[in-house]
Amino acid sequence: MTIGERLRRLRISRKLSQEEVARYIGVTRSAYSHYEINSRQPVYDTVRKLSNLFDVSIDYLINSDLQDHEPQETKRLLQLWQAMDEQSREQTLHMMQHAMKQSNSKL
């Protein structure tokens, strides 16, 4: 998957327009659309802003084969995580921590 494909998926999963993302990172909508179609590559500062906006690592955005070596379950978990809003992520983390405590107390 390319950086453009990742950006498009992340933007759509967050229900943001290209204009909204462009405004956040300080570029024109046209410039941002070129990132999504892979006709231009964003500079480091822009990638950093995008990773902050989408709450993903810079490595995730720029590494085209990052997930290719991950087990299917890990890939699916990452997709679900990225589709969640911040409140859902917090609730999920809380449930996972609770489940781990329960699991460890049964040992």
N, C-alpha and C. Protein backbone atom coordinates (compact mmCIF):
# COMPACT_ATOMS: atom_id res chain seq x y z
N MET A 1 0.85 -1.18 0.00
CA MET A 1 0.00 0.00 0.00
C MET A 1 0.90 1.25 0.00
N THR A 2 0.54 2.23 -0.79
CA THR A 2 1.33 3.45 -0.89
C THR A 2 0.91 4.47 0.16
N ILE A 3 1.71 5.51 0.32
CA ILE A 3 1.36 6.57 1.27
C ILE A 3 0.05 7.22 0.85
N GLY A 4 -0.16 7.39 -0.45
CA GLY A 4 -1.40 7.99 -0.92
C GLY A 4 -2.62 7.15 -0.56
N GLU A 5 -2.51 5.85 -0.73
CA GLU A 5 -3.61 4.95 -0.37
C GLU A 5 -3.89 5.00 1.12
N ARG A 6 -2.83 5.04 1.91
CA ARG A 6 -3.02 5.12 3.37
C ARG A 6 -3.69 6.43 3.75
N LEU A 7 -3.21 7.55 3.14
CA LEU A 7 -3.80 8.85 3.46
C LEU A 7 -5.28 8.88 3.11
N ARG A 8 -5.62 8.36 1.96
CA ARG A 8 -7.03 8.35 1.54
C ARG A 8 -7.88 7.52 2.50
N ARG A 9 -7.41 6.33 2.84
CA ARG A 9 -8.16 5.47 3.77
C ARG A 9 -8.34 6.15 5.13
N LEU A 10 -7.26 6.73 5.63
CA LEU A 10 -7.33 7.39 6.93
C LEU A 10 -8.29 8.57 6.89
N ARG A 11 -8.21 9.36 5.83
CA ARG A 11 -9.07 10.54 5.71
C ARG A 11 -10.54 10.12 5.66
N ILE A 12 -10.85 9.12 4.85
CA ILE A 12 -12.22 8.67 4.72
C ILE A 12 -12.72 8.05 6.03
N SER A 13 -11.86 7.28 6.69
CA SER A 13 -12.29 6.65 7.96
C SER A 13 -12.57 7.69 9.04
N ARG A 14 -11.95 8.86 8.94
CA ARG A 14 -12.18 9.95 9.90
C ARG A 14 -13.27 10.90 9.42
N LYS A 15 -13.84 10.60 8.23
CA LYS A 15 -14.91 11.42 7.66
C LYS A 15 -14.46 12.87 7.47
N LEU A 16 -13.25 13.03 6.95
CA LEU A 16 -12.71 14.36 6.67
C LEU A 16 -12.66 14.58 5.16
N SER A 17 -12.82 15.82 4.75
CA SER A 17 -12.67 16.16 3.35
C SER A 17 -11.20 16.45 3.05
N GLN A 18 -10.86 16.42 1.79
CA GLN A 18 -9.50 16.79 1.41
C GLN A 18 -9.22 18.23 1.84
N GLU A 19 -10.20 19.09 1.73
CA GLU A 19 -10.05 20.49 2.12
C GLU A 19 -9.71 20.61 3.61
N GLU A 20 -10.39 19.84 4.45
CA GLU A 20 -10.14 19.89 5.90
C GLU A 20 -8.71 19.43 6.22
N VAL A 21 -8.29 18.33 5.60
CA VAL A 21 -6.93 17.83 5.84
C VAL A 21 -5.91 18.84 5.35
N ALA A 22 -6.13 19.38 4.16
CA ALA A 22 -5.20 20.36 3.59
C ALA A 22 -5.07 21.57 4.50
N ARG A 23 -6.18 22.06 5.01
CA ARG A 23 -6.15 23.22 5.91
C ARG A 23 -5.34 22.90 7.17
N TYR A 24 -5.52 21.71 7.73
CA TYR A 24 -4.82 21.31 8.94
C TYR A 24 -3.30 21.25 8.73
N ILE A 25 -2.88 20.74 7.57
CA ILE A 25 -1.45 20.59 7.33
C ILE A 25 -0.82 21.80 6.64
N GLY A 26 -1.66 22.77 6.27
CA GLY A 26 -1.14 24.01 5.72
C GLY A 26 -0.77 23.97 4.25
N VAL A 27 -1.54 23.21 3.47
CA VAL A 27 -1.32 23.17 2.01
C VAL A 27 -2.66 23.39 1.32
N THR A 28 -2.64 23.56 0.01
CA THR A 28 -3.89 23.68 -0.73
C THR A 28 -4.54 22.32 -0.88
N ARG A 29 -5.83 22.32 -1.17
CA ARG A 29 -6.53 21.07 -1.39
C ARG A 29 -5.93 20.34 -2.59
N SER A 30 -5.56 21.11 -3.59
CA SER A 30 -4.95 20.53 -4.78
C SER A 30 -3.64 19.82 -4.44
N ALA A 31 -2.81 20.47 -3.64
CA ALA A 31 -1.53 19.85 -3.24
C ALA A 31 -1.79 18.56 -2.46
N TYR A 32 -2.76 18.61 -1.54
CA TYR A 32 -3.06 17.40 -0.77
C TYR A 32 -3.57 16.28 -1.67
N SER A 33 -4.42 16.63 -2.65
CA SER A 33 -4.95 15.58 -3.53
C SER A 33 -3.84 14.89 -4.30
N HIS A 34 -2.76 15.61 -4.60
CA HIS A 34 -1.61 14.99 -5.27
C HIS A 34 -0.93 13.96 -4.36
N TYR A 35 -0.98 14.17 -3.05
CA TYR A 35 -0.41 13.18 -2.13
C TYR A 35 -1.22 11.88 -2.21
N GLU A 36 -2.55 12.02 -2.24
CA GLU A 36 -3.41 10.83 -2.26
C GLU A 36 -3.28 10.04 -3.56
N ILE A 37 -2.98 10.72 -4.66
CA ILE A 37 -2.84 9.99 -5.93
C ILE A 37 -1.38 9.67 -6.24
N ASN A 38 -0.51 9.94 -5.30
CA ASN A 38 0.91 9.60 -5.39
C ASN A 38 1.64 10.30 -6.53
N SER A 39 1.18 11.48 -6.92
CA SER A 39 1.91 12.22 -7.94
C SER A 39 2.92 13.18 -7.30
N ARG A 40 2.78 13.38 -5.98
CA ARG A 40 3.75 14.16 -5.20
C ARG A 40 3.93 13.49 -3.85
N GLN A 41 5.11 13.65 -3.30
CA GLN A 41 5.39 13.11 -1.97
C GLN A 41 5.48 14.27 -0.98
N PRO A 42 4.83 14.17 0.16
CA PRO A 42 4.90 15.25 1.15
C PRO A 42 6.29 15.32 1.80
N VAL A 43 6.69 16.53 2.18
CA VAL A 43 7.95 16.72 2.89
C VAL A 43 7.78 16.22 4.33
N TYR A 44 8.90 16.06 5.03
CA TYR A 44 8.88 15.49 6.37
C TYR A 44 7.91 16.22 7.30
N ASP A 45 7.95 17.55 7.32
CA ASP A 45 7.10 18.30 8.23
C ASP A 45 5.62 18.03 7.96
N THR A 46 5.28 17.87 6.70
CA THR A 46 3.90 17.56 6.33
C THR A 46 3.53 16.15 6.77
N VAL A 47 4.44 15.21 6.60
CA VAL A 47 4.19 13.83 7.05
C VAL A 47 3.98 13.81 8.56
N ARG A 48 4.76 14.60 9.27
CA ARG A 48 4.62 14.68 10.74
C ARG A 48 3.23 15.22 11.11
N LYS A 49 2.79 16.26 10.42
CA LYS A 49 1.46 16.81 10.68
C LYS A 49 0.36 15.79 10.37
N LEU A 50 0.53 15.07 9.28
CA LEU A 50 -0.45 14.05 8.91
C LEU A 50 -0.49 12.93 9.94
N SER A 51 0.67 12.52 10.43
CA SER A 51 0.69 11.45 11.43
C SER A 51 0.00 11.92 12.72
N ASN A 52 0.18 13.19 13.07
CA ASN A 52 -0.51 13.73 14.24
C ASN A 52 -2.01 13.80 14.02
N LEU A 53 -2.41 14.27 12.86
CA LEU A 53 -3.84 14.38 12.55
C LEU A 53 -4.53 13.02 12.60
N PHE A 54 -3.91 12.03 11.99
CA PHE A 54 -4.53 10.71 11.89
C PHE A 54 -4.16 9.78 13.05
N ASP A 55 -3.31 10.26 13.96
CA ASP A 55 -2.89 9.49 15.13
C ASP A 55 -2.28 8.14 14.73
N VAL A 56 -1.35 8.20 13.77
CA VAL A 56 -0.60 7.03 13.34
C VAL A 56 0.88 7.41 13.34
N SER A 57 1.74 6.42 13.29
CA SER A 57 3.17 6.71 13.28
C SER A 57 3.60 7.18 11.89
N ILE A 58 4.69 7.90 11.85
CA ILE A 58 5.28 8.31 10.58
C ILE A 58 5.68 7.06 9.80
N ASP A 59 6.22 6.06 10.50
CA ASP A 59 6.59 4.80 9.84
C ASP A 59 5.41 4.18 9.12
N TYR A 60 4.26 4.20 9.76
CA TYR A 60 3.07 3.62 9.14
C TYR A 60 2.75 4.34 7.83
N LEU A 61 2.85 5.66 7.83
CA LEU A 61 2.52 6.41 6.62
C LEU A 61 3.49 6.16 5.48
N ILE A 62 4.77 6.11 5.79
CA ILE A 62 5.76 6.09 4.70
C ILE A 62 6.27 4.71 4.31
N ASN A 63 6.07 3.72 5.14
CA ASN A 63 6.61 2.40 4.86
C ASN A 63 5.60 1.57 4.10
N SER A 64 5.80 1.40 2.79
CA SER A 64 4.82 0.74 1.95
C SER A 64 4.64 -0.74 2.26
N ASP A 65 5.63 -1.39 2.85
CA ASP A 65 5.48 -2.81 3.14
C ASP A 65 5.44 -3.11 4.63
N LEU A 66 5.15 -2.11 5.43
CA LEU A 66 5.15 -2.28 6.89
C LEU A 66 4.22 -3.41 7.33
N GLN A 67 3.03 -3.46 6.77
CA GLN A 67 2.07 -4.46 7.21
C GLN A 67 2.19 -5.77 6.45
N ASP A 68 2.96 -5.81 5.40
CA ASP A 68 3.04 -7.02 4.59
C ASP A 68 3.61 -8.21 5.36
N HIS A 69 4.35 -7.95 6.43
CA HIS A 69 4.98 -9.03 7.18
C HIS A 69 4.25 -9.33 8.49
N GLU A 70 3.13 -8.67 8.71
CA GLU A 70 2.37 -8.86 9.94
C GLU A 70 1.34 -9.98 9.76
N PRO A 71 1.05 -10.71 10.83
CA PRO A 71 -0.02 -11.71 10.75
C PRO A 71 -1.35 -11.04 10.43
N GLN A 72 -2.27 -11.80 9.81
CA GLN A 72 -3.57 -11.27 9.43
C GLN A 72 -4.32 -10.65 10.61
N GLU A 73 -4.25 -11.28 11.78
CA GLU A 73 -4.95 -10.75 12.95
C GLU A 73 -4.43 -9.37 13.32
N THR A 74 -3.11 -9.18 13.23
CA THR A 74 -2.51 -7.88 13.55
C THR A 74 -2.97 -6.83 12.54
N LYS A 75 -3.00 -7.20 11.28
CA LYS A 75 -3.46 -6.27 10.25
C LYS A 75 -4.92 -5.86 10.51
N ARG A 76 -5.75 -6.83 10.84
CA ARG A 76 -7.16 -6.54 11.09
C ARG A 76 -7.33 -5.65 12.31
N LEU A 77 -6.59 -5.92 13.37
CA LEU A 77 -6.66 -5.08 14.56
C LEU A 77 -6.25 -3.65 14.25
N LEU A 78 -5.20 -3.49 13.46
CA LEU A 78 -4.73 -2.16 13.09
C LEU A 78 -5.79 -1.43 12.26
N GLN A 79 -6.44 -2.11 11.34
CA GLN A 79 -7.49 -1.50 10.54
C GLN A 79 -8.65 -1.04 11.42
N LEU A 80 -9.05 -1.89 12.34
CA LEU A 80 -10.14 -1.53 13.25
C LEU A 80 -9.75 -0.33 14.12
N TRP A 81 -8.54 -0.36 14.64
CA TRP A 81 -8.05 0.72 15.50
C TRP A 81 -8.07 2.05 14.75
N GLN A 82 -7.60 2.04 13.52
CA GLN A 82 -7.52 3.27 12.74
C GLN A 82 -8.90 3.81 12.38
N ALA A 83 -9.89 2.95 12.32
CA ALA A 83 -11.24 3.39 11.99
C ALA A 83 -11.99 3.96 13.20
N MET A 84 -11.45 3.75 14.40
CA MET A 84 -12.12 4.21 15.62
C MET A 84 -11.87 5.69 15.87
N ASP A 85 -12.86 6.32 16.53
CA ASP A 85 -12.63 7.68 17.00
C ASP A 85 -11.88 7.60 18.34
N GLU A 86 -11.46 8.74 18.83
CA GLU A 86 -10.63 8.76 20.04
C GLU A 86 -11.33 8.16 21.25
N GLN A 87 -12.61 8.45 21.41
CA GLN A 87 -13.35 7.91 22.55
C GLN A 87 -13.42 6.38 22.48
N SER A 88 -13.66 5.85 21.30
CA SER A 88 -13.72 4.39 21.15
C SER A 88 -12.37 3.75 21.44
N ARG A 89 -11.30 4.42 21.04
CA ARG A 89 -9.96 3.89 21.33
C ARG A 89 -9.71 3.84 22.83
N GLU A 90 -10.09 4.90 23.53
CA GLU A 90 -9.91 4.93 24.99
C GLU A 90 -10.71 3.82 25.66
N GLN A 91 -11.95 3.61 25.22
CA GLN A 91 -12.79 2.55 25.79
C GLN A 91 -12.19 1.18 25.51
N THR A 92 -11.67 1.00 24.31
CA THR A 92 -11.06 -0.27 23.94
C THR A 92 -9.82 -0.55 24.78
N LEU A 93 -8.98 0.46 24.95
CA LEU A 93 -7.79 0.29 25.79
C LEU A 93 -8.18 -0.07 27.22
N HIS A 94 -9.20 0.57 27.74
CA HIS A 94 -9.66 0.29 29.10
C HIS A 94 -10.14 -1.17 29.20
N MET A 95 -10.92 -1.62 28.22
CA MET A 95 -11.40 -3.00 28.23
C MET A 95 -10.25 -4.00 28.12
N MET A 96 -9.26 -3.68 27.29
CA MET A 96 -8.12 -4.59 27.14
C MET A 96 -7.31 -4.67 28.43
N GLN A 97 -7.10 -3.53 29.08
CA GLN A 97 -6.36 -3.52 30.34
C GLN A 97 -7.11 -4.32 31.39
N HIS A 98 -8.42 -4.17 31.43
CA HIS A 98 -9.24 -4.93 32.38
C HIS A 98 -9.14 -6.43 32.10
N ALA A 99 -9.21 -6.80 30.83
CA ALA A 99 -9.11 -8.21 30.45
C ALA A 99 -7.75 -8.79 30.82
N MET A 100 -6.69 -8.01 30.65
CA MET A 100 -5.35 -8.49 31.02
C MET A 100 -5.24 -8.69 32.52
N LYS A 101 -5.81 -7.78 33.29
CA LYS A 101 -5.78 -7.94 34.76
C LYS A 101 -6.55 -9.20 35.16
N GLN A 102 -7.69 -9.43 34.54
CA GLN A 102 -8.49 -10.62 34.82
C GLN A 102 -7.71 -11.89 34.48
N SER A 103 -7.06 -11.85 33.34
CA SER A 103 -6.28 -13.01 32.87
C SER A 103 -5.12 -13.30 33.80
N ASN A 104 -4.42 -12.27 34.24
CA ASN A 104 -3.26 -12.44 35.11
C ASN A 104 -3.68 -12.90 36.51
N SER A 105 -4.85 -12.52 36.96
CA SER A 105 -5.28 -12.94 38.31
C SER A 105 -5.69 -14.41 38.32
N LYS A 106 -5.96 -14.99 37.16
CA LYS A 106 -6.35 -16.41 37.09
C LYS A 106 -5.13 -17.33 37.04
N LEU A 107 -3.96 -16.78 36.88
CA LEU A 107 -2.74 -17.60 36.79
C LEU A 107 -2.32 -18.13 38.09
